[in-house]
Amino acid sequence: GTILYKAHEVLETLTLDKLTAHKKRE
């Protein structure tokens, strides 16, 4: 699970725009 969370987070740095990424983290 730790590997999957990390990998998914890294992929989102490429594919999500700033506003969506920040709101998603909130």
PDB file of all heavy atoms in Angstrom:
ATOM      1  N   GLY A   1       0.806  -1.217   0.000  1.00  0.00           N
ATOM      2  CA  GLY A   1       0.000   0.000   0.000  1.00  0.00           C
ATOM      3  C   GLY A   1       0.834   1.260   0.000  1.00  0.00           C
ATOM      4  O   GLY A   1       0.498   2.250  -0.672  1.00  0.00           O
ATOM      5  N   THR A   2       1.932   1.233   0.743  1.00  0.00           N
ATOM      6  CA  THR A   2       2.817   2.397   0.783  1.00  0.00           C
ATOM      7  C   THR A   2       3.425   2.668  -0.588  1.00  0.00           C
ATOM      8  O   THR A   2       3.541   3.823  -1.020  1.00  0.00           O
ATOM      9  CB  THR A   2       3.923   2.178   1.829  1.00  0.00           C
ATOM     10  OG1 THR A   2       3.316   1.944   3.114  1.00  0.00           O
ATOM     11  CG2 THR A   2       4.847   3.387   1.927  1.00  0.00           C
ATOM     12  N   ILE A   3       3.789   1.601  -1.298  1.00  0.00           N
ATOM     13  CA  ILE A   3       4.328   1.748  -2.653  1.00  0.00           C
ATOM     14  C   ILE A   3       3.269   2.324  -3.590  1.00  0.00           C
ATOM     15  O   ILE A   3       3.536   3.243  -4.373  1.00  0.00           O
ATOM     16  CB  ILE A   3       4.828   0.389  -3.184  1.00  0.00           C
ATOM     17  CG1 ILE A   3       6.050  -0.071  -2.379  1.00  0.00           C
ATOM     18  CG2 ILE A   3       5.175   0.480  -4.672  1.00  0.00           C
ATOM     19  CD1 ILE A   3       6.485  -1.496  -2.702  1.00  0.00           C
ATOM     20  N   LEU A   4       2.043   1.813  -3.508  1.00  0.00           N
ATOM     21  CA  LEU A   4       0.981   2.281  -4.401  1.00  0.00           C
ATOM     22  C   LEU A   4       0.629   3.745  -4.154  1.00  0.00           C
ATOM     23  O   LEU A   4       0.429   4.508  -5.106  1.00  0.00           O
ATOM     24  CB  LEU A   4      -0.262   1.407  -4.243  1.00  0.00           C
ATOM     25  CG  LEU A   4      -0.218   0.037  -4.918  1.00  0.00           C
ATOM     26  CD1 LEU A   4      -1.461  -0.768  -4.588  1.00  0.00           C
ATOM     27  CD2 LEU A   4      -0.065   0.191  -6.433  1.00  0.00           C
ATOM     28  N   TYR A   5       0.524   4.132  -2.898  1.00  0.00           N
ATOM     29  CA  TYR A   5       0.227   5.531  -2.593  1.00  0.00           C
ATOM     30  C   TYR A   5       1.308   6.448  -3.155  1.00  0.00           C
ATOM     31  O   TYR A   5       1.010   7.487  -3.745  1.00  0.00           O
ATOM     32  CB  TYR A   5       0.119   5.730  -1.080  1.00  0.00           C
ATOM     33  CG  TYR A   5      -1.293   5.741  -0.547  1.00  0.00           C
ATOM     34  CD1 TYR A   5      -2.029   4.571  -0.456  1.00  0.00           C
ATOM     35  CD2 TYR A   5      -1.899   6.919  -0.118  1.00  0.00           C
ATOM     36  CE1 TYR A   5      -3.321   4.562   0.049  1.00  0.00           C
ATOM     37  CE2 TYR A   5      -3.192   6.934   0.391  1.00  0.00           C
ATOM     38  CZ  TYR A   5      -3.899   5.749   0.469  1.00  0.00           C
ATOM     39  OH  TYR A   5      -5.180   5.755   0.967  1.00  0.00           O
ATOM     40  N   LYS A   6       2.566   6.044  -2.971  1.00  0.00           N
ATOM     41  CA  LYS A   6       3.683   6.857  -3.462  1.00  0.00           C
ATOM     42  C   LYS A   6       3.658   6.963  -4.984  1.00  0.00           C
ATOM     43  O   LYS A   6       3.770   8.068  -5.547  1.00  0.00           O
ATOM     44  CB  LYS A   6       5.003   6.240  -3.003  1.00  0.00           C
ATOM     45  CG  LYS A   6       6.263   6.891  -3.575  1.00  0.00           C
ATOM     46  CD  LYS A   6       6.456   8.300  -3.061  1.00  0.00           C
ATOM     47  CE  LYS A   6       7.814   8.836  -3.503  1.00  0.00           C
ATOM     48  NZ  LYS A   6       8.037  10.228  -3.046  1.00  0.00           N
ATOM     49  N   ALA A   7       3.488   5.835  -5.657  1.00  0.00           N
ATOM     50  CA  ALA A   7       3.509   5.835  -7.121  1.00  0.00           C
ATOM     51  C   ALA A   7       2.344   6.650  -7.682  1.00  0.00           C
ATOM     52  O   ALA A   7       2.516   7.430  -8.631  1.00  0.00           O
ATOM     53  CB  ALA A   7       3.459   4.401  -7.643  1.00  0.00           C
ATOM     54  N   HIS A   8       1.175   6.496  -7.097  1.00  0.00           N
ATOM     55  CA  HIS A   8       0.002   7.240  -7.568  1.00  0.00           C
ATOM     56  C   HIS A   8       0.197   8.740  -7.374  1.00  0.00           C
ATOM     57  O   HIS A   8      -0.139   9.546  -8.251  1.00  0.00           O
ATOM     58  CB  HIS A   8      -1.241   6.750  -6.816  1.00  0.00           C
ATOM     59  CG  HIS A   8      -2.505   7.403  -7.244  1.00  0.00           C
ATOM     60  ND1 HIS A   8      -3.041   8.498  -6.583  1.00  0.00           N
ATOM     61  CD2 HIS A   8      -3.351   7.150  -8.288  1.00  0.00           C
ATOM     62  CE1 HIS A   8      -4.151   8.862  -7.189  1.00  0.00           C
ATOM     63  NE2 HIS A   8      -4.365   8.069  -8.225  1.00  0.00           N
ATOM     64  N   GLU A   9       0.756   9.110  -6.255  1.00  0.00           N
ATOM     65  CA  GLU A   9       1.011  10.534  -5.979  1.00  0.00           C
ATOM     66  C   GLU A   9       1.999  11.114  -6.984  1.00  0.00           C
ATOM     67  O   GLU A   9       1.818  12.236  -7.477  1.00  0.00           O
ATOM     68  CB  GLU A   9       1.555  10.685  -4.556  1.00  0.00           C
ATOM     69  CG  GLU A   9       1.876  12.112  -4.156  1.00  0.00           C
ATOM     70  CD  GLU A   9       2.478  12.211  -2.765  1.00  0.00           C
ATOM     71  OE1 GLU A   9       2.488  11.200  -2.047  1.00  0.00           O
ATOM     72  OE2 GLU A   9       2.961  13.304  -2.405  1.00  0.00           O
ATOM     73  N   VAL A  10       3.041  10.353  -7.299  1.00  0.00           N
ATOM     74  CA  VAL A  10       4.036  10.822  -8.265  1.00  0.00           C
ATOM     75  C   VAL A  10       3.395  11.012  -9.636  1.00  0.00           C
ATOM     76  O   VAL A  10       3.638  12.013 -10.327  1.00  0.00           O
ATOM     77  CB  VAL A  10       5.216   9.833  -8.350  1.00  0.00           C
ATOM     78  CG1 VAL A  10       6.138  10.190  -9.522  1.00  0.00           C
ATOM     79  CG2 VAL A  10       6.008   9.823  -7.049  1.00  0.00           C
ATOM     80  N   LEU A  11       2.562  10.064 -10.062  1.00  0.00           N
ATOM     81  CA  LEU A  11       1.915  10.171 -11.381  1.00  0.00           C
ATOM     82  C   LEU A  11       1.012  11.405 -11.442  1.00  0.00           C
ATOM     83  O   LEU A  11       0.945  12.087 -12.470  1.00  0.00           O
ATOM     84  CB  LEU A  11       1.113   8.901 -11.678  1.00  0.00           C
ATOM     85  CG  LEU A  11       0.421   8.829 -13.031  1.00  0.00           C
ATOM     86  CD1 LEU A  11       1.416   9.027 -14.167  1.00  0.00           C
ATOM     87  CD2 LEU A  11      -0.313   7.499 -13.185  1.00  0.00           C
ATOM     88  N   GLU A  12       0.323  11.704 -10.364  1.00  0.00           N
ATOM     89  CA  GLU A  12      -0.561  12.867 -10.350  1.00  0.00           C
ATOM     90  C   GLU A  12       0.208  14.178 -10.472  1.00  0.00           C
ATOM     91  O   GLU A  12      -0.369  15.174 -10.929  1.00  0.00           O
ATOM     92  CB  GLU A  12      -1.413  12.882  -9.082  1.00  0.00           C
ATOM     93  CG  GLU A  12      -2.548  11.877  -9.096  1.00  0.00           C
ATOM     94  CD  GLU A  12      -3.549  12.103  -7.980  1.00  0.00           C
ATOM     95  OE1 GLU A  12      -3.135  12.601  -6.896  1.00  0.00           O
ATOM     96  OE2 GLU A  12      -4.734  11.791  -8.165  1.00  0.00           O
ATOM     97  N   THR A  13       1.480  14.208 -10.098  1.00  0.00           N
ATOM     98  CA  THR A  13       2.253  15.444 -10.271  1.00  0.00           C
ATOM     99  C   THR A  13       2.379  15.808 -11.746  1.00  0.00           C
ATOM    100  O   THR A  13       2.538  16.984 -12.085  1.00  0.00           O
ATOM    101  CB  THR A  13       3.659  15.327  -9.641  1.00  0.00           C
ATOM    102  OG1 THR A  13       4.420  14.325 -10.337  1.00  0.00           O
ATOM    103  CG2 THR A  13       3.577  14.998  -8.166  1.00  0.00           C
ATOM    104  N   LEU A  14       2.294  14.803 -12.611  1.00  0.00           N
ATOM    105  CA  LEU A  14       2.351  15.064 -14.053  1.00  0.00           C
ATOM    106  C   LEU A  14       0.990  15.398 -14.647  1.00  0.00           C
ATOM    107  O   LEU A  14       0.888  16.195 -15.574  1.00  0.00           O
ATOM    108  CB  LEU A  14       2.885  13.828 -14.794  1.00  0.00           C
ATOM    109  CG  LEU A  14       4.380  13.574 -14.899  1.00  0.00           C
ATOM    110  CD1 LEU A  14       4.613  12.452 -15.896  1.00  0.00           C
ATOM    111  CD2 LEU A  14       5.155  14.807 -15.314  1.00  0.00           C
ATOM    112  N   THR A  15      -0.063  14.777 -14.120  1.00  0.00           N
ATOM    113  CA  THR A  15      -1.332  14.759 -14.850  1.00  0.00           C
ATOM    114  C   THR A  15      -2.419  15.676 -14.290  1.00  0.00           C
ATOM    115  O   THR A  15      -3.419  15.914 -14.975  1.00  0.00           O
ATOM    116  CB  THR A  15      -1.890  13.325 -14.899  1.00  0.00           C
ATOM    117  OG1 THR A  15      -2.088  12.855 -13.552  1.00  0.00           O
ATOM    118  CG2 THR A  15      -0.922  12.394 -15.617  1.00  0.00           C
ATOM    119  N   LEU A  16      -2.268  16.173 -13.072  1.00  0.00           N
ATOM    120  CA  LEU A  16      -3.282  17.063 -12.505  1.00  0.00           C
ATOM    121  C   LEU A  16      -2.831  18.516 -12.594  1.00  0.00           C
ATOM    122  O   LEU A  16      -1.665  18.829 -12.336  1.00  0.00           O
ATOM    123  CB  LEU A  16      -3.560  16.726 -11.035  1.00  0.00           C
ATOM    124  CG  LEU A  16      -4.208  15.378 -10.715  1.00  0.00           C
ATOM    125  CD1 LEU A  16      -4.586  15.335  -9.233  1.00  0.00           C
ATOM    126  CD2 LEU A  16      -5.425  15.114 -11.581  1.00  0.00           C
ATOM    127  N   ASP A  17      -3.770  19.401 -12.924  1.00  0.00           N
ATOM    128  CA  ASP A  17      -3.455  20.822 -12.895  1.00  0.00           C
ATOM    129  C   ASP A  17      -3.351  21.298 -11.453  1.00  0.00           C
ATOM    130  O   ASP A  17      -3.799  20.623 -10.520  1.00  0.00           O
ATOM    131  CB  ASP A  17      -4.534  21.610 -13.629  1.00  0.00           C
ATOM    132  CG  ASP A  17      -5.874  21.519 -12.922  1.00  0.00           C
ATOM    133  OD1 ASP A  17      -6.599  20.514 -13.121  1.00  0.00           O
ATOM    134  OD2 ASP A  17      -6.204  22.439 -12.153  1.00  0.00           O
ATOM    135  N   LYS A  18      -2.766  22.464 -11.268  1.00  0.00           N
ATOM    136  CA  LYS A  18      -2.479  22.983  -9.930  1.00  0.00           C
ATOM    137  C   LYS A  18      -3.730  23.116  -9.070  1.00  0.00           C
ATOM    138  O   LYS A  18      -3.751  22.656  -7.915  1.00  0.00           O
ATOM    139  CB  LYS A  18      -1.775  24.337 -10.049  1.00  0.00           C
ATOM    140  CG  LYS A  18      -1.544  25.047  -8.729  1.00  0.00           C
ATOM    141  CD  LYS A  18      -0.922  26.413  -8.957  1.00  0.00           C
ATOM    142  CE  LYS A  18      -0.859  27.232  -7.678  1.00  0.00           C
ATOM    143  NZ  LYS A  18      -0.276  28.566  -7.903  1.00  0.00           N
ATOM    144  N   LEU A  19      -4.773  23.743  -9.582  1.00  0.00           N
ATOM    145  CA  LEU A  19      -5.965  23.994  -8.771  1.00  0.00           C
ATOM    146  C   LEU A  19      -6.621  22.686  -8.336  1.00  0.00           C
ATOM    147  O   LEU A  19      -7.020  22.533  -7.171  1.00  0.00           O
ATOM    148  CB  LEU A  19      -6.966  24.853  -9.548  1.00  0.00           C
ATOM    149  CG  LEU A  19      -6.561  26.307  -9.810  1.00  0.00           C
ATOM    150  CD1 LEU A  19      -7.634  27.006 -10.645  1.00  0.00           C
ATOM    151  CD2 LEU A  19      -6.344  27.048  -8.493  1.00  0.00           C
ATOM    152  N   THR A  20      -6.731  21.741  -9.261  1.00  0.00           N
ATOM    153  CA  THR A  20      -7.332  20.453  -8.916  1.00  0.00           C
ATOM    154  C   THR A  20      -6.477  19.707  -7.907  1.00  0.00           C
ATOM    155  O   THR A  20      -6.994  19.140  -6.930  1.00  0.00           O
ATOM    156  CB  THR A  20      -7.525  19.591 -10.171  1.00  0.00           C
ATOM    157  OG1 THR A  20      -8.367  20.284 -11.096  1.00  0.00           O
ATOM    158  CG2 THR A  20      -8.140  18.254  -9.827  1.00  0.00           C
ATOM    159  N   ALA A  21      -5.172  19.694  -8.122  1.00  0.00           N
ATOM    160  CA  ALA A  21      -4.269  18.972  -7.214  1.00  0.00           C
ATOM    161  C   ALA A  21      -4.349  19.526  -5.802  1.00  0.00           C
ATOM    162  O   ALA A  21      -4.406  18.767  -4.823  1.00  0.00           O
ATOM    163  CB  ALA A  21      -2.840  19.039  -7.740  1.00  0.00           C
ATOM    164  N   HIS A  22      -4.347  20.851  -5.683  1.00  0.00           N
ATOM    165  CA  HIS A  22      -4.381  21.458  -4.351  1.00  0.00           C
ATOM    166  C   HIS A  22      -5.712  21.220  -3.656  1.00  0.00           C
ATOM    167  O   HIS A  22      -5.764  20.916  -2.459  1.00  0.00           O
ATOM    168  CB  HIS A  22      -4.079  22.950  -4.452  1.00  0.00           C
ATOM    169  CG  HIS A  22      -2.652  23.244  -4.783  1.00  0.00           C
ATOM    170  ND1 HIS A  22      -2.121  24.518  -4.723  1.00  0.00           N
ATOM    171  CD2 HIS A  22      -1.635  22.443  -5.186  1.00  0.00           C
ATOM    172  CE1 HIS A  22      -0.854  24.478  -5.060  1.00  0.00           C
ATOM    173  NE2 HIS A  22      -0.527  23.233  -5.356  1.00  0.00           N
ATOM    174  N   LYS A  23      -6.807  21.354  -4.385  1.00  0.00           N
ATOM    175  CA  LYS A  23      -8.122  21.108  -3.786  1.00  0.00           C
ATOM    176  C   LYS A  23      -8.272  19.635  -3.407  1.00  0.00           C
ATOM    177  O   LYS A  23      -8.862  19.298  -2.376  1.00  0.00           O
ATOM    178  CB  LYS A  23      -9.234  21.533  -4.747  1.00  0.00           C
ATOM    179  CG  LYS A  23     -10.642  21.342  -4.211  1.00  0.00           C
ATOM    180  CD  LYS A  23     -10.851  22.059  -2.867  1.00  0.00           C
ATOM    181  CE  LYS A  23     -10.747  23.569  -2.995  1.00  0.00           C
ATOM    182  NZ  LYS A  23     -11.049  24.243  -1.699  1.00  0.00           N
ATOM    183  N   LYS A  24      -7.740  18.771  -4.236  1.00  0.00           N
ATOM    184  CA  LYS A  24      -7.816  17.337  -3.954  1.00  0.00           C
ATOM    185  C   LYS A  24      -7.080  16.998  -2.661  1.00  0.00           C
ATOM    186  O   LYS A  24      -7.542  16.167  -1.869  1.00  0.00           O
ATOM    187  CB  LYS A  24      -7.232  16.553  -5.132  1.00  0.00           C
ATOM    188  CG  LYS A  24      -7.365  15.045  -5.028  1.00  0.00           C
ATOM    189  CD  LYS A  24      -6.983  14.394  -6.341  1.00  0.00           C
ATOM    190  CE  LYS A  24      -7.049  12.873  -6.227  1.00  0.00           C
ATOM    191  NZ  LYS A  24      -5.947  12.317  -5.442  1.00  0.00           N
ATOM    192  N   ARG A  25      -5.943  17.632  -2.434  1.00  0.00           N
ATOM    193  CA  ARG A  25      -5.209  17.381  -1.187  1.00  0.00           C
ATOM    194  C   ARG A  25      -5.993  17.865   0.021  1.00  0.00           C
ATOM    195  O   ARG A  25      -5.977  17.227   1.081  1.00  0.00           O
ATOM    196  CB  ARG A  25      -3.838  18.071  -1.237  1.00  0.00           C
ATOM    197  CG  ARG A  25      -2.864  17.412  -2.192  1.00  0.00           C
ATOM    198  CD  ARG A  25      -1.451  17.900  -1.989  1.00  0.00           C
ATOM    199  NE  ARG A  25      -0.562  17.357  -3.006  1.00  0.00           N
ATOM    200  CZ  ARG A  25      -0.140  18.023  -4.067  1.00  0.00           C
ATOM    201  NH1 ARG A  25      -0.536  19.272  -4.251  1.00  0.00           N
ATOM    202  NH2 ARG A  25       0.657  17.458  -4.944  1.00  0.00           N
ATOM    203  N   GLU A  26      -6.674  18.985  -0.120  1.00  0.00           N
ATOM    204  CA  GLU A  26      -7.512  19.471   0.984  1.00  0.00           C
ATOM    205  C   GLU A  26      -8.618  18.467   1.301  1.00  0.00           C
ATOM    206  O   GLU A  26      -8.849  18.111   2.462  1.00  0.00           O
ATOM    207  CB  GLU A  26      -8.149  20.814   0.612  1.00  0.00           C
ATOM    208  CG  GLU A  26      -7.193  21.989   0.524  1.00  0.00           C
ATOM    209  CD  GLU A  26      -7.922  23.249   0.084  1.00  0.00           C
ATOM    210  OE1 GLU A  26      -9.151  23.338   0.333  1.00  0.00           O
ATOM    211  OE2 GLU A  26      -7.294  24.124  -0.523  1.00  0.00           O
TER     212      GLU A  26
END
